[in-house]
Amino acid sequence: MSEPQTLIDAARALARYNRLANARLYDACDRIGDSERRRARPAFFRSIHGTLNHILVGDRIWMARFQGKTVPSSGLDAILYEKFDDLRAARVEQDALIQAFAQSLTDARLLSTIAYRNNAGLDFEDPVWMLILHFFNHQTHHRGQVHDMLCQTSVAPPSLDLHRVLKPMPDSRLSD
């Protein structure tokens, strides 16, 4: 993997990381079973299943905004998919859309702004470059919460360090 020369290159790398990190996380979540995924935990979205749904809700909101659409709020804690297999399939599809979006970025698009109303009903206008960074940071933040909740189960959470996901060590050792 070559070094990013622009924010566009970085966004493309983050989109790839997002897809790979989600695949690792969903593999681990698949191993704990539905009752553990839904177990109430001291987390903002109350469970692994709830948090995975929230990440998808956020991704859909931001992708719609990036496409110039307005998004009616479903609530940030909406459960879009009750069945884990359906949620996982939707996650794979969303990650492909995110990668395609990152591939389509241009300097002009990054320098533009997006006007939107957030879920609290407040109006904002922000630069696209900043919103893209927020978009990927939001995913990482909530994957970290799922990672923590996995620590409370019998399944060890996967390494999600960006530099290990994008460039795995040849002998599969985990290190920072």
N, C-alpha and C. Protein backbone atom coordinates (compact mmCIF):
# COMPACT_ATOMS: atom_id res chain seq x y z
N MET A 1 0.84 -1.17 0.00
CA MET A 1 0.00 0.00 0.00
C MET A 1 0.89 1.23 0.00
N SER A 2 0.64 2.14 -0.92
CA SER A 2 1.44 3.35 -1.00
C SER A 2 0.90 4.41 -0.04
N GLU A 3 1.75 5.37 0.27
CA GLU A 3 1.35 6.45 1.17
C GLU A 3 0.33 7.35 0.48
N PRO A 4 -0.67 7.82 1.25
CA PRO A 4 -1.64 8.74 0.64
C PRO A 4 -0.98 10.08 0.33
N GLN A 5 -1.27 10.61 -0.82
CA GLN A 5 -0.73 11.90 -1.23
C GLN A 5 -1.75 13.02 -1.02
N THR A 6 -3.00 12.64 -0.93
CA THR A 6 -4.07 13.63 -0.78
C THR A 6 -5.12 13.10 0.17
N LEU A 7 -6.03 13.97 0.55
CA LEU A 7 -7.15 13.54 1.37
C LEU A 7 -8.01 12.52 0.63
N ILE A 8 -8.07 12.63 -0.68
CA ILE A 8 -8.81 11.64 -1.46
C ILE A 8 -8.19 10.26 -1.28
N ASP A 9 -6.86 10.17 -1.36
CA ASP A 9 -6.18 8.89 -1.13
C ASP A 9 -6.46 8.38 0.27
N ALA A 10 -6.42 9.27 1.25
CA ALA A 10 -6.69 8.87 2.64
C ALA A 10 -8.12 8.38 2.79
N ALA A 11 -9.08 9.07 2.18
CA ALA A 11 -10.48 8.64 2.26
C ALA A 11 -10.65 7.26 1.64
N ARG A 12 -9.97 7.01 0.55
CA ARG A 12 -10.05 5.69 -0.09
C ARG A 12 -9.45 4.61 0.81
N ALA A 13 -8.33 4.94 1.47
CA ALA A 13 -7.73 3.98 2.40
C ALA A 13 -8.66 3.75 3.59
N LEU A 14 -9.30 4.80 4.08
CA LEU A 14 -10.23 4.65 5.20
C LEU A 14 -11.46 3.84 4.80
N ALA A 15 -11.92 3.99 3.57
CA ALA A 15 -13.06 3.19 3.11
C ALA A 15 -12.68 1.71 3.05
N ARG A 16 -11.46 1.44 2.60
CA ARG A 16 -10.99 0.05 2.56
C ARG A 16 -10.84 -0.49 3.99
N TYR A 17 -10.24 0.31 4.86
CA TYR A 17 -10.10 -0.08 6.27
C TYR A 17 -11.47 -0.35 6.88
N ASN A 18 -12.42 0.53 6.62
CA ASN A 18 -13.77 0.39 7.16
C ASN A 18 -14.36 -0.97 6.77
N ARG A 19 -14.23 -1.34 5.51
CA ARG A 19 -14.77 -2.62 5.03
C ARG A 19 -14.09 -3.79 5.72
N LEU A 20 -12.77 -3.76 5.79
CA LEU A 20 -12.02 -4.86 6.38
C LEU A 20 -12.25 -4.95 7.89
N ALA A 21 -12.27 -3.81 8.58
CA ALA A 21 -12.49 -3.81 10.03
C ALA A 21 -13.90 -4.31 10.34
N ASN A 22 -14.87 -3.89 9.56
CA ASN A 22 -16.23 -4.38 9.77
C ASN A 22 -16.32 -5.88 9.56
N ALA A 23 -15.64 -6.40 8.56
CA ALA A 23 -15.66 -7.85 8.31
C ALA A 23 -15.07 -8.59 9.52
N ARG A 24 -13.96 -8.10 10.05
CA ARG A 24 -13.35 -8.73 11.22
C ARG A 24 -14.30 -8.68 12.42
N LEU A 25 -14.90 -7.52 12.64
CA LEU A 25 -15.78 -7.35 13.79
C LEU A 25 -17.02 -8.22 13.67
N TYR A 26 -17.61 -8.26 12.49
CA TYR A 26 -18.79 -9.10 12.29
C TYR A 26 -18.46 -10.59 12.42
N ASP A 27 -17.26 -11.00 11.99
CA ASP A 27 -16.85 -12.39 12.19
C ASP A 27 -16.84 -12.74 13.67
N ALA A 28 -16.27 -11.86 14.48
CA ALA A 28 -16.22 -12.10 15.93
C ALA A 28 -17.63 -12.09 16.51
N CYS A 29 -18.45 -11.15 16.11
CA CYS A 29 -19.82 -11.06 16.63
C CYS A 29 -20.66 -12.27 16.23
N ASP A 30 -20.37 -12.83 15.09
CA ASP A 30 -21.08 -14.02 14.65
C ASP A 30 -20.81 -15.21 15.58
N ARG A 31 -19.62 -15.25 16.15
CA ARG A 31 -19.23 -16.37 17.01
C ARG A 31 -19.86 -16.32 18.41
N ILE A 32 -20.40 -15.19 18.82
CA ILE A 32 -20.95 -15.12 20.19
C ILE A 32 -22.42 -15.51 20.26
N GLY A 33 -23.10 -15.54 19.15
CA GLY A 33 -24.51 -15.92 19.16
C GLY A 33 -25.44 -14.75 19.47
N ASP A 34 -26.69 -14.95 19.11
CA ASP A 34 -27.67 -13.88 19.18
C ASP A 34 -27.93 -13.38 20.59
N SER A 35 -28.02 -14.28 21.56
CA SER A 35 -28.34 -13.83 22.92
C SER A 35 -27.23 -12.93 23.47
N GLU A 36 -25.97 -13.23 23.19
CA GLU A 36 -24.87 -12.38 23.64
C GLU A 36 -24.84 -11.06 22.88
N ARG A 37 -25.16 -11.09 21.59
CA ARG A 37 -25.19 -9.84 20.80
C ARG A 37 -26.28 -8.91 21.33
N ARG A 38 -27.37 -9.46 21.82
CA ARG A 38 -28.50 -8.65 22.27
C ARG A 38 -28.49 -8.37 23.77
N ARG A 39 -27.57 -8.97 24.50
CA ARG A 39 -27.50 -8.79 25.95
C ARG A 39 -27.34 -7.30 26.29
N ALA A 40 -28.15 -6.84 27.24
CA ALA A 40 -28.05 -5.45 27.69
C ALA A 40 -26.71 -5.22 28.36
N ARG A 41 -26.04 -4.18 27.94
CA ARG A 41 -24.72 -3.85 28.47
C ARG A 41 -24.68 -2.35 28.75
N PRO A 42 -23.74 -1.92 29.58
CA PRO A 42 -23.64 -0.47 29.85
C PRO A 42 -23.00 0.25 28.66
N ALA A 43 -23.81 0.44 27.64
CA ALA A 43 -23.35 1.08 26.41
C ALA A 43 -24.46 1.99 25.90
N PHE A 44 -24.09 3.01 25.16
CA PHE A 44 -25.06 4.00 24.71
C PHE A 44 -26.19 3.37 23.91
N PHE A 45 -25.88 2.40 23.06
CA PHE A 45 -26.91 1.76 22.24
C PHE A 45 -27.29 0.39 22.80
N ARG A 46 -26.99 0.16 24.06
CA ARG A 46 -27.48 -0.90 24.93
C ARG A 46 -27.03 -2.31 24.64
N SER A 47 -26.48 -2.58 23.48
CA SER A 47 -26.05 -3.94 23.16
C SER A 47 -25.14 -3.90 21.94
N ILE A 48 -24.51 -5.03 21.70
CA ILE A 48 -23.70 -5.16 20.48
C ILE A 48 -24.60 -5.00 19.26
N HIS A 49 -25.74 -5.69 19.28
CA HIS A 49 -26.67 -5.62 18.15
C HIS A 49 -27.16 -4.19 17.92
N GLY A 50 -27.49 -3.50 19.00
CA GLY A 50 -27.94 -2.12 18.89
C GLY A 50 -26.87 -1.20 18.34
N THR A 51 -25.64 -1.41 18.78
CA THR A 51 -24.55 -0.56 18.32
C THR A 51 -24.21 -0.83 16.86
N LEU A 52 -24.22 -2.08 16.45
CA LEU A 52 -23.98 -2.40 15.03
C LEU A 52 -25.06 -1.77 14.15
N ASN A 53 -26.30 -1.80 14.61
CA ASN A 53 -27.38 -1.15 13.87
C ASN A 53 -27.15 0.36 13.81
N HIS A 54 -26.73 0.96 14.94
CA HIS A 54 -26.49 2.40 14.96
C HIS A 54 -25.42 2.81 13.95
N ILE A 55 -24.35 2.05 13.85
CA ILE A 55 -23.30 2.38 12.89
C ILE A 55 -23.89 2.42 11.48
N LEU A 56 -24.75 1.46 11.16
CA LEU A 56 -25.37 1.43 9.84
C LEU A 56 -26.32 2.61 9.65
N VAL A 57 -27.08 2.96 10.70
CA VAL A 57 -27.96 4.13 10.63
C VAL A 57 -27.13 5.37 10.29
N GLY A 58 -26.05 5.57 11.04
CA GLY A 58 -25.20 6.73 10.79
C GLY A 58 -24.61 6.74 9.40
N ASP A 59 -24.15 5.59 8.94
CA ASP A 59 -23.58 5.50 7.59
C ASP A 59 -24.61 5.87 6.53
N ARG A 60 -25.82 5.41 6.70
CA ARG A 60 -26.86 5.71 5.71
C ARG A 60 -27.23 7.19 5.72
N ILE A 61 -27.28 7.77 6.89
CA ILE A 61 -27.58 9.20 6.98
C ILE A 61 -26.50 10.00 6.26
N TRP A 62 -25.23 9.73 6.58
CA TRP A 62 -24.15 10.51 5.97
C TRP A 62 -24.02 10.26 4.48
N MET A 63 -24.18 9.01 4.06
CA MET A 63 -24.09 8.74 2.62
C MET A 63 -25.20 9.46 1.86
N ALA A 64 -26.39 9.51 2.42
CA ALA A 64 -27.48 10.25 1.78
C ALA A 64 -27.14 11.74 1.70
N ARG A 65 -26.61 12.28 2.78
CA ARG A 65 -26.21 13.69 2.77
C ARG A 65 -25.13 13.95 1.73
N PHE A 66 -24.15 13.05 1.63
CA PHE A 66 -23.10 13.23 0.63
C PHE A 66 -23.68 13.21 -0.78
N GLN A 67 -24.81 12.54 -0.96
CA GLN A 67 -25.46 12.47 -2.26
C GLN A 67 -26.48 13.58 -2.47
N GLY A 68 -26.55 14.52 -1.53
CA GLY A 68 -27.46 15.66 -1.66
C GLY A 68 -28.89 15.37 -1.27
N LYS A 69 -29.13 14.28 -0.60
CA LYS A 69 -30.49 13.91 -0.18
C LYS A 69 -30.73 14.35 1.25
N THR A 70 -31.99 14.57 1.57
CA THR A 70 -32.35 14.78 2.96
C THR A 70 -32.85 13.46 3.51
N VAL A 71 -32.57 13.26 4.78
CA VAL A 71 -32.88 11.97 5.39
C VAL A 71 -33.83 12.19 6.55
N PRO A 72 -35.02 11.61 6.46
CA PRO A 72 -35.90 11.69 7.64
C PRO A 72 -35.31 10.84 8.76
N SER A 73 -35.37 11.35 9.97
CA SER A 73 -34.77 10.64 11.08
C SER A 73 -35.57 9.40 11.44
N SER A 74 -34.86 8.29 11.52
CA SER A 74 -35.47 7.06 12.00
C SER A 74 -35.15 6.89 13.48
N GLY A 75 -34.40 7.82 14.00
CA GLY A 75 -33.89 7.68 15.36
C GLY A 75 -32.53 7.02 15.29
N LEU A 76 -31.60 7.56 16.03
CA LEU A 76 -30.24 7.05 15.97
C LEU A 76 -30.11 5.68 16.61
N ASP A 77 -31.11 5.28 17.38
CA ASP A 77 -31.08 3.96 18.02
C ASP A 77 -31.99 2.96 17.31
N ALA A 78 -32.38 3.27 16.09
CA ALA A 78 -33.27 2.38 15.34
C ALA A 78 -32.61 1.02 15.11
N ILE A 79 -33.41 -0.01 15.21
CA ILE A 79 -32.96 -1.35 14.85
C ILE A 79 -33.45 -1.59 13.42
N LEU A 80 -32.53 -1.43 12.49
CA LEU A 80 -32.88 -1.58 11.07
C LEU A 80 -33.09 -3.04 10.70
N TYR A 81 -32.33 -3.91 11.34
CA TYR A 81 -32.38 -5.35 11.04
C TYR A 81 -32.39 -6.13 12.34
N GLU A 82 -33.43 -6.90 12.53
CA GLU A 82 -33.53 -7.75 13.72
C GLU A 82 -32.62 -8.97 13.61
N LYS A 83 -32.51 -9.53 12.42
CA LYS A 83 -31.69 -10.73 12.21
C LYS A 83 -30.26 -10.33 11.90
N PHE A 84 -29.33 -10.97 12.59
CA PHE A 84 -27.91 -10.66 12.42
C PHE A 84 -27.46 -10.90 10.98
N ASP A 85 -27.90 -11.97 10.36
CA ASP A 85 -27.49 -12.24 8.97
C ASP A 85 -27.95 -11.13 8.02
N ASP A 86 -29.13 -10.61 8.25
CA ASP A 86 -29.63 -9.49 7.43
C ASP A 86 -28.82 -8.22 7.68
N LEU A 87 -28.49 -7.98 8.96
CA LEU A 87 -27.68 -6.82 9.32
C LEU A 87 -26.30 -6.93 8.68
N ARG A 88 -25.73 -8.11 8.73
CA ARG A 88 -24.40 -8.32 8.15
C ARG A 88 -24.43 -8.12 6.63
N ALA A 89 -25.45 -8.63 5.97
CA ALA A 89 -25.57 -8.45 4.51
C ALA A 89 -25.71 -6.97 4.17
N ALA A 90 -26.49 -6.24 4.96
CA ALA A 90 -26.65 -4.81 4.74
C ALA A 90 -25.34 -4.07 4.97
N ARG A 91 -24.56 -4.53 5.95
CA ARG A 91 -23.26 -3.92 6.25
C ARG A 91 -22.31 -4.11 5.08
N VAL A 92 -22.28 -5.31 4.52
CA VAL A 92 -21.41 -5.59 3.36
C VAL A 92 -21.81 -4.70 2.19
N GLU A 93 -23.11 -4.59 1.95
CA GLU A 93 -23.60 -3.74 0.85
C GLU A 93 -23.24 -2.27 1.10
N GLN A 94 -23.43 -1.80 2.34
CA GLN A 94 -23.11 -0.41 2.66
C GLN A 94 -21.62 -0.14 2.49
N ASP A 95 -20.79 -1.07 2.92
CA ASP A 95 -19.34 -0.87 2.79
C ASP A 95 -18.92 -0.79 1.32
N ALA A 96 -19.58 -1.54 0.46
CA ALA A 96 -19.29 -1.44 -0.98
C ALA A 96 -19.69 -0.06 -1.51
N LEU A 97 -20.83 0.46 -1.05
CA LEU A 97 -21.25 1.80 -1.46
C LEU A 97 -20.28 2.87 -0.96
N ILE A 98 -19.78 2.69 0.25
CA ILE A 98 -18.82 3.64 0.81
C ILE A 98 -17.53 3.62 0.00
N GLN A 99 -17.07 2.44 -0.37
CA GLN A 99 -15.85 2.37 -1.19
C GLN A 99 -16.07 3.01 -2.56
N ALA A 100 -17.22 2.79 -3.16
CA ALA A 100 -17.51 3.42 -4.45
C ALA A 100 -17.56 4.94 -4.31
N PHE A 101 -18.15 5.42 -3.22
CA PHE A 101 -18.20 6.86 -2.97
C PHE A 101 -16.78 7.42 -2.84
N ALA A 102 -15.94 6.75 -2.07
CA ALA A 102 -14.56 7.23 -1.89
C ALA A 102 -13.82 7.26 -3.23
N GLN A 103 -14.08 6.27 -4.09
CA GLN A 103 -13.44 6.25 -5.41
C GLN A 103 -13.91 7.42 -6.28
N SER A 104 -15.11 7.92 -6.03
CA SER A 104 -15.66 9.00 -6.86
C SER A 104 -15.26 10.40 -6.39
N LEU A 105 -14.59 10.50 -5.26
CA LEU A 105 -14.25 11.82 -4.73
C LEU A 105 -13.33 12.61 -5.65
N THR A 106 -13.56 13.90 -5.67
CA THR A 106 -12.71 14.83 -6.42
C THR A 106 -12.31 15.97 -5.49
N ASP A 107 -11.29 16.70 -5.87
CA ASP A 107 -10.89 17.86 -5.07
C ASP A 107 -12.04 18.86 -4.97
N ALA A 108 -12.73 19.09 -6.07
CA ALA A 108 -13.85 20.04 -6.04
C ALA A 108 -14.92 19.60 -5.04
N ARG A 109 -15.20 18.31 -5.00
CA ARG A 109 -16.21 17.81 -4.05
C ARG A 109 -15.75 18.01 -2.62
N LEU A 110 -14.48 17.73 -2.34
CA LEU A 110 -13.96 17.90 -0.99
C LEU A 110 -14.02 19.35 -0.54
N LEU A 111 -13.87 20.28 -1.47
CA LEU A 111 -13.87 21.70 -1.12
C LEU A 111 -15.27 22.29 -1.05
N SER A 112 -16.27 21.50 -1.41
CA SER A 112 -17.66 21.99 -1.34
C SER A 112 -18.18 21.85 0.09
N THR A 113 -19.40 22.31 0.29
CA THR A 113 -20.03 22.19 1.61
C THR A 113 -21.35 21.46 1.47
N ILE A 114 -21.83 20.98 2.60
CA ILE A 114 -23.14 20.33 2.67
C ILE A 114 -23.95 21.04 3.74
N ALA A 115 -25.16 21.45 3.35
CA ALA A 115 -26.11 21.99 4.31
C ALA A 115 -27.06 20.86 4.70
N TYR A 116 -27.29 20.70 5.99
CA TYR A 116 -28.13 19.60 6.45
C TYR A 116 -28.75 19.94 7.80
N ARG A 117 -29.76 19.21 8.15
CA ARG A 117 -30.39 19.30 9.46
C ARG A 117 -30.06 18.01 10.21
N ASN A 118 -29.52 18.15 11.41
CA ASN A 118 -29.16 16.95 12.17
C ASN A 118 -30.38 16.37 12.87
N ASN A 119 -30.18 15.28 13.57
CA ASN A 119 -31.31 14.59 14.21
C ASN A 119 -31.94 15.39 15.34
N ALA A 120 -31.23 16.39 15.85
CA ALA A 120 -31.79 17.26 16.89
C ALA A 120 -32.56 18.43 16.28
N GLY A 121 -32.61 18.48 14.94
CA GLY A 121 -33.35 19.54 14.26
C GLY A 121 -32.55 20.82 14.04
N LEU A 122 -31.25 20.77 14.27
CA LEU A 122 -30.40 21.94 14.09
C LEU A 122 -29.82 21.95 12.68
N ASP A 123 -29.74 23.14 12.09
CA ASP A 123 -29.22 23.29 10.74
C ASP A 123 -27.73 23.59 10.77
N PHE A 124 -27.00 22.95 9.86
CA PHE A 124 -25.56 23.13 9.75
C PHE A 124 -25.16 23.21 8.29
N GLU A 125 -24.01 23.80 8.05
CA GLU A 125 -23.35 23.74 6.75
C GLU A 125 -21.87 23.55 7.04
N ASP A 126 -21.34 22.43 6.58
CA ASP A 126 -19.96 22.07 6.88
C ASP A 126 -19.23 21.65 5.62
N PRO A 127 -17.90 21.79 5.62
CA PRO A 127 -17.11 21.36 4.45
C PRO A 127 -17.11 19.83 4.33
N VAL A 128 -17.20 19.39 3.10
CA VAL A 128 -17.24 17.95 2.83
C VAL A 128 -16.01 17.25 3.38
N TRP A 129 -14.82 17.85 3.23
CA TRP A 129 -13.61 17.19 3.71
C TRP A 129 -13.71 16.89 5.21
N MET A 130 -14.28 17.82 5.97
CA MET A 130 -14.41 17.60 7.41
C MET A 130 -15.46 16.53 7.71
N LEU A 131 -16.55 16.55 6.97
CA LEU A 131 -17.61 15.57 7.19
C LEU A 131 -17.15 14.16 6.84
N ILE A 132 -16.31 14.03 5.84
CA ILE A 132 -15.77 12.71 5.49
C ILE A 132 -14.90 12.19 6.63
N LEU A 133 -14.08 13.05 7.19
CA LEU A 133 -13.26 12.62 8.33
C LEU A 133 -14.15 12.25 9.51
N HIS A 134 -15.20 13.04 9.76
CA HIS A 134 -16.14 12.72 10.83
C HIS A 134 -16.81 11.37 10.56
N PHE A 135 -17.22 11.15 9.33
CA PHE A 135 -17.91 9.93 8.92
C PHE A 135 -17.08 8.70 9.29
N PHE A 136 -15.81 8.70 8.94
CA PHE A 136 -14.97 7.55 9.26
C PHE A 136 -14.64 7.49 10.75
N ASN A 137 -14.47 8.62 11.38
CA ASN A 137 -14.21 8.65 12.82
C ASN A 137 -15.41 8.10 13.60
N HIS A 138 -16.62 8.42 13.16
CA HIS A 138 -17.83 7.92 13.81
C HIS A 138 -17.86 6.40 13.80
N GLN A 139 -17.54 5.82 12.66
CA GLN A 139 -17.54 4.36 12.55
C GLN A 139 -16.50 3.76 13.51
N THR A 140 -15.31 4.34 13.52
CA THR A 140 -14.24 3.82 14.38
C THR A 140 -14.63 3.93 15.85
N HIS A 141 -15.22 5.04 16.22
CA HIS A 141 -15.66 5.25 17.61
C HIS A 141 -16.61 4.14 18.06
N HIS A 142 -17.62 3.87 17.25
CA HIS A 142 -18.61 2.87 17.65
C HIS A 142 -18.10 1.43 17.48
N ARG A 143 -17.21 1.19 16.53
CA ARG A 143 -16.58 -0.14 16.47
C ARG A 143 -15.80 -0.39 17.76
N GLY A 144 -15.18 0.67 18.28
CA GLY A 144 -14.46 0.55 19.55
C GLY A 144 -15.40 0.16 20.69
N GLN A 145 -16.61 0.67 20.67
CA GLN A 145 -17.58 0.30 21.70
C GLN A 145 -17.96 -1.18 21.56
N VAL A 146 -18.15 -1.64 20.34
CA VAL A 146 -18.46 -3.06 20.14
C VAL A 146 -17.26 -3.91 20.57
N HIS A 147 -16.07 -3.46 20.25
CA HIS A 147 -14.85 -4.15 20.66
C HIS A 147 -14.83 -4.32 22.17
N ASP A 148 -15.15 -3.25 22.90
CA ASP A 148 -15.20 -3.31 24.35
C ASP A 148 -16.26 -4.31 24.83
N MET A 149 -17.43 -4.28 24.21
CA MET A 149 -18.49 -5.21 24.61
C MET A 149 -18.09 -6.66 24.31
N LEU A 150 -17.34 -6.88 23.23
CA LEU A 150 -16.86 -8.23 22.95
C LEU A 150 -15.92 -8.72 24.05
N CYS A 151 -15.19 -7.79 24.67
CA CYS A 151 -14.30 -8.17 25.79
C CYS A 151 -15.09 -8.75 26.95
N GLN A 152 -16.39 -8.50 26.99
CA GLN A 152 -17.24 -9.00 28.06
C GLN A 152 -17.86 -10.35 27.72
N THR A 153 -17.40 -10.94 26.62
CA THR A 153 -17.90 -12.24 26.18
C THR A 153 -16.75 -13.25 26.17
N SER A 154 -17.04 -14.44 25.74
CA SER A 154 -16.00 -15.47 25.65
C SER A 154 -15.20 -15.38 24.35
N VAL A 155 -15.56 -14.49 23.45
CA VAL A 155 -14.87 -14.35 22.17
C VAL A 155 -13.92 -13.16 22.24
N ALA A 156 -12.67 -13.40 21.96
CA ALA A 156 -11.69 -12.31 21.96
C ALA A 156 -11.98 -11.37 20.80
N PRO A 157 -11.99 -10.07 21.06
CA PRO A 157 -12.22 -9.14 19.96
C PRO A 157 -11.02 -9.12 19.00
N PRO A 158 -11.27 -8.86 17.74
CA PRO A 158 -10.18 -8.85 16.77
C PRO A 158 -9.36 -7.56 16.87
N SER A 159 -8.15 -7.61 16.38
CA SER A 159 -7.36 -6.39 16.26
C SER A 159 -7.99 -5.53 15.17
N LEU A 160 -8.25 -4.28 15.53
CA LEU A 160 -8.84 -3.34 14.56
C LEU A 160 -7.92 -2.16 14.31
N ASP A 161 -6.66 -2.27 14.74
CA ASP A 161 -5.71 -1.18 14.49
C ASP A 161 -5.58 -0.97 12.99
N LEU A 162 -5.74 0.28 12.59
CA LEU A 162 -5.73 0.61 11.16
C LEU A 162 -4.49 0.06 10.47
N HIS A 163 -3.33 0.23 11.07
CA HIS A 163 -2.10 -0.20 10.41
C HIS A 163 -1.96 -1.72 10.37
N ARG A 164 -2.72 -2.45 11.18
CA ARG A 164 -2.69 -3.91 11.13
C ARG A 164 -3.78 -4.46 10.23
N VAL A 165 -4.84 -3.72 10.07
CA VAL A 165 -5.91 -4.17 9.18
C VAL A 165 -5.51 -3.92 7.73
N LEU A 166 -4.96 -2.75 7.46
CA LEU A 166 -4.57 -2.43 6.08
C LEU A 166 -3.28 -3.12 5.66
N LYS A 167 -2.42 -3.40 6.61
CA LYS A 167 -1.14 -4.04 6.29
C LYS A 167 -0.86 -5.09 7.35
N PRO A 168 -1.54 -6.24 7.27
CA PRO A 168 -1.37 -7.27 8.29
C PRO A 168 0.07 -7.77 8.33
N MET A 169 0.49 -8.15 9.53
CA MET A 169 1.82 -8.70 9.70
C MET A 169 1.88 -10.08 9.03
N PRO A 170 2.96 -10.40 8.36
CA PRO A 170 3.03 -11.67 7.61
C PRO A 170 2.83 -12.90 8.46
N ASP A 171 3.27 -12.87 9.71
CA ASP A 171 3.13 -14.07 10.53
C ASP A 171 1.92 -13.99 11.46
N SER A 172 1.03 -13.04 11.18
CA SER A 172 -0.24 -12.87 11.91
C SER A 172 -0.06 -12.52 13.38
N ARG A 173 1.15 -12.07 13.77
CA ARG A 173 1.32 -11.60 15.16
C ARG A 173 0.53 -10.33 15.34
N LEU A 174 0.02 -10.15 16.52
CA LEU A 174 -0.68 -8.91 16.83
C LEU A 174 0.25 -8.00 17.61
N SER A 175 0.41 -6.81 17.14
CA SER A 175 1.20 -5.83 17.89
C SER A 175 0.75 -4.44 17.50
N ASP A 176 1.12 -3.52 18.30
CA ASP A 176 0.82 -2.12 18.01
C ASP A 176 2.07 -1.49 17.51
